Amino acid sequence: MIEIRTNSTAQTEEAAAALAPALRPGDLLLLHGGLGAGKTAFVRGLVRGLGGDENEVSSPTFALMNRYEGRIPVFHFDLYRLGSEEEVLDLGFDEIFFGGEGVCAVEWCEVAGSIFAGARAIDVTLQGEGDERTILLEGMHGTFDVGRLVQHGIRVRDEG
């Protein structure tokens, strides 16, 4: 598990941007955290890190999914308004989750029930209050530029 500590929204975005080069098409990021935890800020940094326009990123709470173009497309899901795994399947989201076309970042992934069981996924847990965040990454493959994070005053601990 990798633990990243940030002190601002900008640092949370920078942490995600630094992780982006390690991602590849087909990667599935399951974003955990309550309301206001910084999940959309994390996606904003991810989009920037993948060469997309971070200014286009907004919470897809009402749209359910937004697509952002970049070196690798990012599919940003917010399942908060859905009530069950069946609703997720009825919308055909599973075809995008496992389609391999881009990187999928899924907010409120718990709503999807067992859809992600056994999937090759990266769990991203954001927690904290105010501007301070702890970001926990489990299942991260590849490497990312830790020096870039340290340069921005972001603390990283890899528990291996």
N, C-alpha and C. Protein backbone atom coordinates (compact mmCIF):
# COMPACT_ATOMS: atom_id res chain seq x y z
N MET A 1 0.85 -1.18 0.00
CA MET A 1 0.00 0.00 0.00
C MET A 1 0.89 1.24 0.00
N ILE A 2 0.48 2.23 -0.74
CA ILE A 2 1.17 3.51 -0.80
C ILE A 2 0.30 4.55 -0.11
N GLU A 3 0.91 5.33 0.77
CA GLU A 3 0.20 6.39 1.48
C GLU A 3 0.77 7.73 1.06
N ILE A 4 -0.12 8.62 0.62
CA ILE A 4 0.27 9.96 0.18
C ILE A 4 -0.47 10.95 1.05
N ARG A 5 0.26 11.95 1.57
CA ARG A 5 -0.37 12.98 2.41
C ARG A 5 -0.26 14.32 1.71
N THR A 6 -1.41 14.97 1.52
CA THR A 6 -1.45 16.27 0.85
C THR A 6 -2.04 17.32 1.80
N ASN A 7 -1.71 18.58 1.53
CA ASN A 7 -2.16 19.67 2.38
C ASN A 7 -3.05 20.67 1.67
N SER A 8 -3.45 20.37 0.43
CA SER A 8 -4.30 21.29 -0.31
C SER A 8 -4.93 20.53 -1.48
N THR A 9 -5.97 21.13 -2.05
CA THR A 9 -6.59 20.55 -3.24
C THR A 9 -5.57 20.48 -4.37
N ALA A 10 -4.74 21.52 -4.50
CA ALA A 10 -3.72 21.53 -5.55
C ALA A 10 -2.75 20.36 -5.39
N GLN A 11 -2.37 20.03 -4.15
CA GLN A 11 -1.48 18.90 -3.92
C GLN A 11 -2.18 17.58 -4.22
N THR A 12 -3.47 17.48 -3.90
CA THR A 12 -4.22 16.26 -4.22
C THR A 12 -4.24 16.06 -5.74
N GLU A 13 -4.48 17.14 -6.47
CA GLU A 13 -4.46 17.07 -7.93
C GLU A 13 -3.07 16.70 -8.44
N GLU A 14 -2.04 17.28 -7.85
CA GLU A 14 -0.66 16.99 -8.26
C GLU A 14 -0.31 15.53 -8.01
N ALA A 15 -0.77 14.98 -6.89
CA ALA A 15 -0.51 13.57 -6.59
C ALA A 15 -1.10 12.68 -7.68
N ALA A 16 -2.32 12.97 -8.08
CA ALA A 16 -2.97 12.17 -9.13
C ALA A 16 -2.25 12.36 -10.47
N ALA A 17 -1.84 13.59 -10.77
CA ALA A 17 -1.12 13.85 -12.02
C ALA A 17 0.20 13.07 -12.06
N ALA A 18 0.86 12.94 -10.92
CA ALA A 18 2.12 12.20 -10.85
C ALA A 18 1.90 10.70 -11.04
N LEU A 19 0.74 10.22 -10.65
CA LEU A 19 0.43 8.79 -10.81
C LEU A 19 0.02 8.45 -12.24
N ALA A 20 -0.52 9.42 -12.94
CA ALA A 20 -1.10 9.18 -14.27
C ALA A 20 -0.17 8.49 -15.26
N PRO A 21 1.11 8.87 -15.35
CA PRO A 21 1.97 8.21 -16.34
C PRO A 21 2.14 6.70 -16.13
N ALA A 22 1.88 6.23 -14.91
CA ALA A 22 2.00 4.79 -14.63
C ALA A 22 0.76 4.02 -15.09
N LEU A 23 -0.29 4.74 -15.47
CA LEU A 23 -1.54 4.08 -15.85
C LEU A 23 -1.54 3.71 -17.32
N ARG A 24 -2.38 2.73 -17.65
CA ARG A 24 -2.50 2.29 -19.04
C ARG A 24 -3.96 1.99 -19.35
N PRO A 25 -4.31 1.94 -20.63
CA PRO A 25 -5.70 1.63 -20.99
C PRO A 25 -6.16 0.33 -20.32
N GLY A 26 -7.37 0.35 -19.82
CA GLY A 26 -7.93 -0.80 -19.13
C GLY A 26 -7.82 -0.71 -17.62
N ASP A 27 -7.06 0.28 -17.12
CA ASP A 27 -6.95 0.42 -15.67
C ASP A 27 -8.25 0.94 -15.09
N LEU A 28 -8.56 0.43 -13.93
CA LEU A 28 -9.80 0.73 -13.24
C LEU A 28 -9.44 1.26 -11.86
N LEU A 29 -9.79 2.52 -11.60
CA LEU A 29 -9.53 3.13 -10.31
C LEU A 29 -10.85 3.22 -9.55
N LEU A 30 -10.90 2.58 -8.42
CA LEU A 30 -12.09 2.60 -7.57
C LEU A 30 -11.85 3.64 -6.48
N LEU A 31 -12.61 4.73 -6.54
CA LEU A 31 -12.40 5.86 -5.64
C LEU A 31 -13.33 5.75 -4.43
N HIS A 32 -12.72 5.69 -3.26
CA HIS A 32 -13.46 5.58 -2.00
C HIS A 32 -13.29 6.87 -1.21
N GLY A 33 -14.35 7.28 -0.54
CA GLY A 33 -14.29 8.47 0.31
C GLY A 33 -15.65 9.12 0.35
N GLY A 34 -15.92 9.80 1.43
CA GLY A 34 -17.22 10.44 1.61
C GLY A 34 -17.37 11.69 0.77
N LEU A 35 -18.50 12.35 0.96
CA LEU A 35 -18.75 13.62 0.27
C LEU A 35 -17.66 14.61 0.64
N GLY A 36 -17.11 15.28 -0.35
CA GLY A 36 -16.09 16.28 -0.11
C GLY A 36 -14.71 15.73 0.19
N ALA A 37 -14.49 14.44 -0.05
CA ALA A 37 -13.20 13.82 0.27
C ALA A 37 -12.11 14.18 -0.74
N GLY A 38 -12.48 14.71 -1.89
CA GLY A 38 -11.48 15.07 -2.89
C GLY A 38 -11.42 14.14 -4.08
N LYS A 39 -12.45 13.33 -4.26
CA LYS A 39 -12.45 12.36 -5.37
C LYS A 39 -12.42 13.07 -6.72
N THR A 40 -13.23 14.10 -6.90
CA THR A 40 -13.25 14.81 -8.18
C THR A 40 -11.96 15.59 -8.38
N ALA A 41 -11.38 16.15 -7.33
CA ALA A 41 -10.08 16.82 -7.44
C ALA A 41 -9.02 15.83 -7.88
N PHE A 42 -9.08 14.62 -7.36
CA PHE A 42 -8.14 13.58 -7.76
C PHE A 42 -8.28 13.29 -9.25
N VAL A 43 -9.52 13.18 -9.74
CA VAL A 43 -9.75 12.92 -11.16
C VAL A 43 -9.26 14.10 -12.01
N ARG A 44 -9.44 15.31 -11.51
CA ARG A 44 -8.96 16.49 -12.24
C ARG A 44 -7.45 16.39 -12.48
N GLY A 45 -6.69 16.01 -11.45
CA GLY A 45 -5.26 15.83 -11.60
C GLY A 45 -4.91 14.67 -12.51
N LEU A 46 -5.68 13.62 -12.42
CA LEU A 46 -5.48 12.45 -13.27
C LEU A 46 -5.63 12.82 -14.74
N VAL A 47 -6.68 13.57 -15.05
CA VAL A 47 -6.93 14.00 -16.43
C VAL A 47 -5.77 14.87 -16.93
N ARG A 48 -5.33 15.81 -16.09
CA ARG A 48 -4.18 16.65 -16.48
C ARG A 48 -2.95 15.80 -16.74
N GLY A 49 -2.70 14.83 -15.85
CA GLY A 49 -1.53 13.96 -15.98
C GLY A 49 -1.57 13.09 -17.22
N LEU A 50 -2.77 12.84 -17.74
CA LEU A 50 -2.92 12.04 -18.95
C LEU A 50 -3.08 12.91 -20.20
N GLY A 51 -2.79 14.21 -20.06
CA GLY A 51 -2.79 15.10 -21.21
C GLY A 51 -4.12 15.70 -21.58
N GLY A 52 -5.11 15.57 -20.71
CA GLY A 52 -6.42 16.15 -20.97
C GLY A 52 -6.57 17.53 -20.36
N ASP A 53 -7.71 18.15 -20.61
CA ASP A 53 -8.01 19.48 -20.09
C ASP A 53 -8.67 19.37 -18.72
N GLU A 54 -7.91 19.67 -17.69
CA GLU A 54 -8.43 19.56 -16.32
C GLU A 54 -9.61 20.49 -16.07
N ASN A 55 -9.71 21.57 -16.85
CA ASN A 55 -10.81 22.52 -16.67
C ASN A 55 -12.16 21.94 -17.11
N GLU A 56 -12.16 20.86 -17.85
CA GLU A 56 -13.40 20.21 -18.26
C GLU A 56 -13.96 19.29 -17.19
N VAL A 57 -13.15 18.96 -16.19
CA VAL A 57 -13.55 17.97 -15.19
C VAL A 57 -14.55 18.56 -14.21
N SER A 58 -15.67 17.86 -14.09
CA SER A 58 -16.68 18.21 -13.08
C SER A 58 -17.27 16.90 -12.58
N SER A 59 -17.88 16.97 -11.43
CA SER A 59 -18.48 15.77 -10.87
C SER A 59 -19.62 15.30 -11.77
N PRO A 60 -19.61 14.04 -12.17
CA PRO A 60 -20.68 13.54 -13.04
C PRO A 60 -21.90 13.04 -12.26
N THR A 61 -22.18 13.67 -11.13
CA THR A 61 -23.27 13.20 -10.28
C THR A 61 -24.58 13.08 -11.05
N PHE A 62 -24.91 14.06 -11.89
CA PHE A 62 -26.17 14.01 -12.62
C PHE A 62 -26.03 13.35 -13.98
N ALA A 63 -24.86 13.47 -14.59
CA ALA A 63 -24.63 12.84 -15.90
C ALA A 63 -24.29 11.37 -15.75
N LEU A 64 -23.83 10.96 -14.58
CA LEU A 64 -23.37 9.62 -14.23
C LEU A 64 -22.00 9.28 -14.80
N MET A 65 -21.67 9.78 -16.01
CA MET A 65 -20.36 9.52 -16.59
C MET A 65 -19.94 10.70 -17.46
N ASN A 66 -18.68 11.09 -17.32
CA ASN A 66 -18.07 12.07 -18.22
C ASN A 66 -16.85 11.41 -18.85
N ARG A 67 -16.59 11.77 -20.09
CA ARG A 67 -15.41 11.26 -20.79
C ARG A 67 -14.50 12.46 -21.09
N TYR A 68 -13.22 12.28 -20.78
CA TYR A 68 -12.22 13.32 -21.02
C TYR A 68 -11.15 12.76 -21.93
N GLU A 69 -10.83 13.51 -22.98
CA GLU A 69 -9.81 13.07 -23.93
C GLU A 69 -8.43 13.45 -23.44
N GLY A 70 -7.44 12.67 -23.82
CA GLY A 70 -6.05 12.92 -23.49
C GLY A 70 -5.22 11.83 -24.14
N ARG A 71 -4.00 11.67 -23.68
CA ARG A 71 -3.14 10.59 -24.19
C ARG A 71 -3.88 9.26 -24.07
N ILE A 72 -4.56 9.09 -22.97
CA ILE A 72 -5.46 7.96 -22.74
C ILE A 72 -6.78 8.58 -22.30
N PRO A 73 -7.92 8.18 -22.90
CA PRO A 73 -9.20 8.73 -22.44
C PRO A 73 -9.48 8.34 -20.98
N VAL A 74 -10.15 9.22 -20.27
CA VAL A 74 -10.56 8.95 -18.90
C VAL A 74 -12.08 8.93 -18.86
N PHE A 75 -12.63 7.85 -18.34
CA PHE A 75 -14.07 7.72 -18.13
C PHE A 75 -14.30 7.92 -16.64
N HIS A 76 -15.00 9.00 -16.29
CA HIS A 76 -15.21 9.39 -14.89
C HIS A 76 -16.67 9.10 -14.52
N PHE A 77 -16.86 8.15 -13.63
CA PHE A 77 -18.19 7.73 -13.21
C PHE A 77 -18.49 8.21 -11.80
N ASP A 78 -19.76 8.52 -11.57
CA ASP A 78 -20.25 8.81 -10.22
C ASP A 78 -21.53 7.99 -10.06
N LEU A 79 -21.45 6.95 -9.26
CA LEU A 79 -22.58 6.02 -9.10
C LEU A 79 -23.48 6.39 -7.92
N TYR A 80 -23.26 7.55 -7.31
CA TYR A 80 -23.97 7.97 -6.10
C TYR A 80 -25.49 7.89 -6.26
N ARG A 81 -26.02 8.31 -7.39
CA ARG A 81 -27.47 8.36 -7.59
C ARG A 81 -28.09 7.01 -7.96
N LEU A 82 -27.25 6.03 -8.23
CA LEU A 82 -27.78 4.71 -8.57
C LEU A 82 -28.03 3.92 -7.30
N GLY A 83 -28.99 3.01 -7.37
CA GLY A 83 -29.38 2.30 -6.16
C GLY A 83 -28.88 0.88 -6.04
N SER A 84 -28.35 0.32 -7.14
CA SER A 84 -27.99 -1.09 -7.06
C SER A 84 -27.05 -1.50 -8.19
N GLU A 85 -26.50 -2.66 -8.02
CA GLU A 85 -25.66 -3.28 -9.04
C GLU A 85 -26.44 -3.46 -10.34
N GLU A 86 -27.71 -3.81 -10.23
CA GLU A 86 -28.54 -4.02 -11.41
C GLU A 86 -28.67 -2.75 -12.25
N GLU A 87 -28.83 -1.61 -11.58
CA GLU A 87 -28.92 -0.35 -12.32
C GLU A 87 -27.62 -0.06 -13.07
N VAL A 88 -26.50 -0.36 -12.46
CA VAL A 88 -25.20 -0.16 -13.12
C VAL A 88 -25.12 -1.04 -14.36
N LEU A 89 -25.55 -2.29 -14.22
CA LEU A 89 -25.52 -3.22 -15.36
C LEU A 89 -26.53 -2.81 -16.44
N ASP A 90 -27.70 -2.35 -16.04
CA ASP A 90 -28.72 -1.91 -17.01
C ASP A 90 -28.22 -0.76 -17.88
N LEU A 91 -27.38 0.09 -17.31
CA LEU A 91 -26.84 1.23 -18.07
C LEU A 91 -25.67 0.81 -18.97
N GLY A 92 -25.22 -0.43 -18.83
CA GLY A 92 -24.13 -0.93 -19.67
C GLY A 92 -22.75 -0.44 -19.26
N PHE A 93 -22.64 0.10 -18.06
CA PHE A 93 -21.35 0.63 -17.62
C PHE A 93 -20.28 -0.45 -17.54
N ASP A 94 -20.69 -1.69 -17.25
CA ASP A 94 -19.70 -2.76 -17.14
C ASP A 94 -18.91 -2.93 -18.44
N GLU A 95 -19.54 -2.64 -19.57
CA GLU A 95 -18.85 -2.75 -20.86
C GLU A 95 -17.72 -1.72 -20.95
N ILE A 96 -17.92 -0.55 -20.34
CA ILE A 96 -16.88 0.48 -20.33
C ILE A 96 -15.83 0.14 -19.28
N PHE A 97 -16.28 -0.29 -18.09
CA PHE A 97 -15.34 -0.64 -17.01
C PHE A 97 -14.29 -1.64 -17.49
N PHE A 98 -14.74 -2.62 -18.25
CA PHE A 98 -13.87 -3.72 -18.65
C PHE A 98 -13.53 -3.71 -20.13
N GLY A 99 -13.84 -2.60 -20.82
CA GLY A 99 -13.61 -2.51 -22.26
C GLY A 99 -12.18 -2.26 -22.66
N GLY A 100 -11.38 -1.72 -21.76
CA GLY A 100 -9.97 -1.51 -22.03
C GLY A 100 -9.64 -0.33 -22.90
N GLU A 101 -10.63 0.51 -23.21
CA GLU A 101 -10.37 1.65 -24.11
C GLU A 101 -9.60 2.77 -23.41
N GLY A 102 -9.86 2.96 -22.14
CA GLY A 102 -9.22 4.06 -21.42
C GLY A 102 -9.08 3.70 -19.95
N VAL A 103 -8.85 4.73 -19.15
CA VAL A 103 -8.78 4.58 -17.70
C VAL A 103 -10.15 4.92 -17.15
N CYS A 104 -10.67 4.09 -16.27
CA CYS A 104 -11.96 4.36 -15.62
C CYS A 104 -11.71 4.76 -14.17
N ALA A 105 -12.29 5.87 -13.76
CA ALA A 105 -12.24 6.34 -12.38
C ALA A 105 -13.68 6.34 -11.87
N VAL A 106 -13.96 5.54 -10.85
CA VAL A 106 -15.34 5.31 -10.41
C VAL A 106 -15.54 5.81 -8.99
N GLU A 107 -16.31 6.91 -8.86
CA GLU A 107 -16.71 7.40 -7.55
C GLU A 107 -17.92 6.61 -7.07
N TRP A 108 -18.01 6.40 -5.77
CA TRP A 108 -19.11 5.65 -5.14
C TRP A 108 -19.20 4.25 -5.75
N CYS A 109 -18.05 3.63 -5.91
CA CYS A 109 -17.95 2.29 -6.53
C CYS A 109 -18.67 1.23 -5.70
N GLU A 110 -18.90 1.49 -4.43
CA GLU A 110 -19.58 0.51 -3.56
C GLU A 110 -20.98 0.17 -4.08
N VAL A 111 -21.61 1.12 -4.78
CA VAL A 111 -22.96 0.91 -5.32
C VAL A 111 -22.96 -0.25 -6.33
N ALA A 112 -21.83 -0.48 -6.98
CA ALA A 112 -21.74 -1.50 -8.03
C ALA A 112 -21.73 -2.92 -7.48
N GLY A 113 -21.75 -3.06 -6.17
CA GLY A 113 -21.82 -4.39 -5.57
C GLY A 113 -20.64 -5.26 -5.98
N SER A 114 -20.94 -6.43 -6.53
CA SER A 114 -19.90 -7.41 -6.84
C SER A 114 -19.33 -7.26 -8.25
N ILE A 115 -19.74 -6.24 -8.99
CA ILE A 115 -19.27 -6.07 -10.37
C ILE A 115 -17.75 -6.06 -10.43
N PHE A 116 -17.09 -5.45 -9.46
CA PHE A 116 -15.64 -5.32 -9.50
C PHE A 116 -14.90 -6.46 -8.82
N ALA A 117 -15.63 -7.43 -8.27
CA ALA A 117 -14.98 -8.56 -7.60
C ALA A 117 -14.07 -9.28 -8.60
N GLY A 118 -12.84 -9.46 -8.22
CA GLY A 118 -11.88 -10.16 -9.07
C GLY A 118 -11.27 -9.31 -10.16
N ALA A 119 -11.69 -8.04 -10.27
CA ALA A 119 -11.14 -7.16 -11.31
C ALA A 119 -9.74 -6.71 -10.92
N ARG A 120 -8.93 -6.43 -11.93
CA ARG A 120 -7.62 -5.83 -11.70
C ARG A 120 -7.89 -4.34 -11.49
N ALA A 121 -7.95 -3.95 -10.23
CA ALA A 121 -8.33 -2.57 -9.91
C ALA A 121 -7.32 -1.95 -8.97
N ILE A 122 -7.28 -0.64 -9.02
CA ILE A 122 -6.48 0.14 -8.09
C ILE A 122 -7.46 0.84 -7.16
N ASP A 123 -7.39 0.51 -5.88
CA ASP A 123 -8.26 1.15 -4.89
C ASP A 123 -7.60 2.43 -4.43
N VAL A 124 -8.36 3.53 -4.53
CA VAL A 124 -7.88 4.85 -4.12
C VAL A 124 -8.82 5.34 -3.02
N THR A 125 -8.31 5.43 -1.81
CA THR A 125 -9.12 5.89 -0.69
C THR A 125 -8.65 7.28 -0.29
N LEU A 126 -9.58 8.23 -0.30
CA LEU A 126 -9.27 9.61 0.11
C LEU A 126 -9.98 9.87 1.42
N GLN A 127 -9.22 10.36 2.39
CA GLN A 127 -9.80 10.67 3.69
C GLN A 127 -9.12 11.88 4.30
N GLY A 128 -9.81 12.53 5.19
CA GLY A 128 -9.24 13.69 5.86
C GLY A 128 -10.27 14.79 6.01
N GLU A 129 -9.83 15.87 6.64
CA GLU A 129 -10.70 17.01 6.86
C GLU A 129 -9.99 18.28 6.44
N GLY A 130 -10.77 19.30 6.12
CA GLY A 130 -10.18 20.56 5.67
C GLY A 130 -9.38 20.33 4.40
N ASP A 131 -8.20 20.90 4.34
CA ASP A 131 -7.35 20.74 3.16
C ASP A 131 -6.46 19.52 3.23
N GLU A 132 -6.29 18.95 4.42
CA GLU A 132 -5.39 17.81 4.57
C GLU A 132 -6.06 16.51 4.14
N ARG A 133 -5.34 15.75 3.32
CA ARG A 133 -5.85 14.49 2.81
C ARG A 133 -4.80 13.40 2.97
N THR A 134 -5.28 12.21 3.23
CA THR A 134 -4.47 11.02 3.12
C THR A 134 -5.06 10.23 1.97
N ILE A 135 -4.20 9.88 1.03
CA ILE A 135 -4.62 9.10 -0.13
C ILE A 135 -3.93 7.75 -0.01
N LEU A 136 -4.72 6.69 0.05
CA LEU A 136 -4.18 5.34 0.14
C LEU A 136 -4.38 4.64 -1.20
N LEU A 137 -3.31 4.08 -1.73
CA LEU A 137 -3.37 3.36 -3.00
C LEU A 137 -3.05 1.90 -2.77
N GLU A 138 -3.95 1.03 -3.20
CA GLU A 138 -3.72 -0.41 -3.13
C GLU A 138 -3.90 -0.99 -4.51
N GLY A 139 -2.97 -1.86 -4.90
CA GLY A 139 -3.06 -2.49 -6.21
C GLY A 139 -2.38 -1.70 -7.29
N MET A 140 -1.60 -0.68 -6.92
CA MET A 140 -0.91 0.15 -7.90
C MET A 140 0.17 -0.68 -8.58
N HIS A 141 0.17 -0.66 -9.89
CA HIS A 141 1.22 -1.35 -10.65
C HIS A 141 2.15 -0.30 -11.22
N GLY A 142 3.30 -0.71 -11.64
CA GLY A 142 4.23 0.23 -12.24
C GLY A 142 4.78 1.19 -11.20
N THR A 143 5.51 2.16 -11.68
CA THR A 143 6.11 3.14 -10.78
C THR A 143 5.64 4.53 -11.16
N PHE A 144 5.75 5.43 -10.24
CA PHE A 144 5.42 6.82 -10.52
C PHE A 144 6.53 7.70 -9.95
N ASP A 145 6.51 8.94 -10.34
CA ASP A 145 7.58 9.87 -10.02
C ASP A 145 7.43 10.42 -8.61
N VAL A 146 8.02 9.70 -7.64
CA VAL A 146 7.94 10.13 -6.24
C VAL A 146 8.66 11.46 -6.06
N GLY A 147 9.74 11.69 -6.82
CA GLY A 147 10.46 12.96 -6.73
C GLY A 147 9.57 14.14 -7.06
N ARG A 148 8.69 13.94 -8.01
CA ARG A 148 7.76 15.00 -8.38
C ARG A 148 6.84 15.34 -7.21
N LEU A 149 6.41 14.32 -6.48
CA LEU A 149 5.55 14.55 -5.33
C LEU A 149 6.30 15.28 -4.23
N VAL A 150 7.51 14.84 -3.95
CA VAL A 150 8.32 15.45 -2.90
C VAL A 150 8.61 16.91 -3.26
N GLN A 151 8.86 17.17 -4.53
CA GLN A 151 9.12 18.53 -5.00
C GLN A 151 7.96 19.47 -4.67
N HIS A 152 6.74 18.93 -4.64
CA HIS A 152 5.55 19.73 -4.34
C HIS A 152 5.17 19.66 -2.85
N GLY A 153 6.08 19.15 -2.03
CA GLY A 153 5.83 19.10 -0.59
C GLY A 153 4.87 18.02 -0.16
N ILE A 154 4.71 17.01 -1.00
CA ILE A 154 3.79 15.92 -0.72
C ILE A 154 4.57 14.76 -0.11
N ARG A 155 4.06 14.23 0.99
CA ARG A 155 4.74 13.12 1.67
C ARG A 155 4.22 11.79 1.14
N VAL A 156 5.15 10.84 0.93
CA VAL A 156 4.80 9.53 0.39
C VAL A 156 5.44 8.46 1.26
N ARG A 157 4.67 7.41 1.54
CA ARG A 157 5.19 6.24 2.26
C ARG A 157 4.72 5.00 1.52
N ASP A 158 5.64 4.16 1.13
CA ASP A 158 5.33 2.93 0.42
C ASP A 158 5.53 1.77 1.39
N GLU A 159 4.43 1.11 1.73
CA GLU A 159 4.49 -0.01 2.66
C GLU A 159 4.59 -1.33 1.92
N GLY A 160 4.97 -1.24 0.66
CA GLY A 160 5.29 -2.29 -0.18
C GLY A 160 4.54 -3.39 -0.55
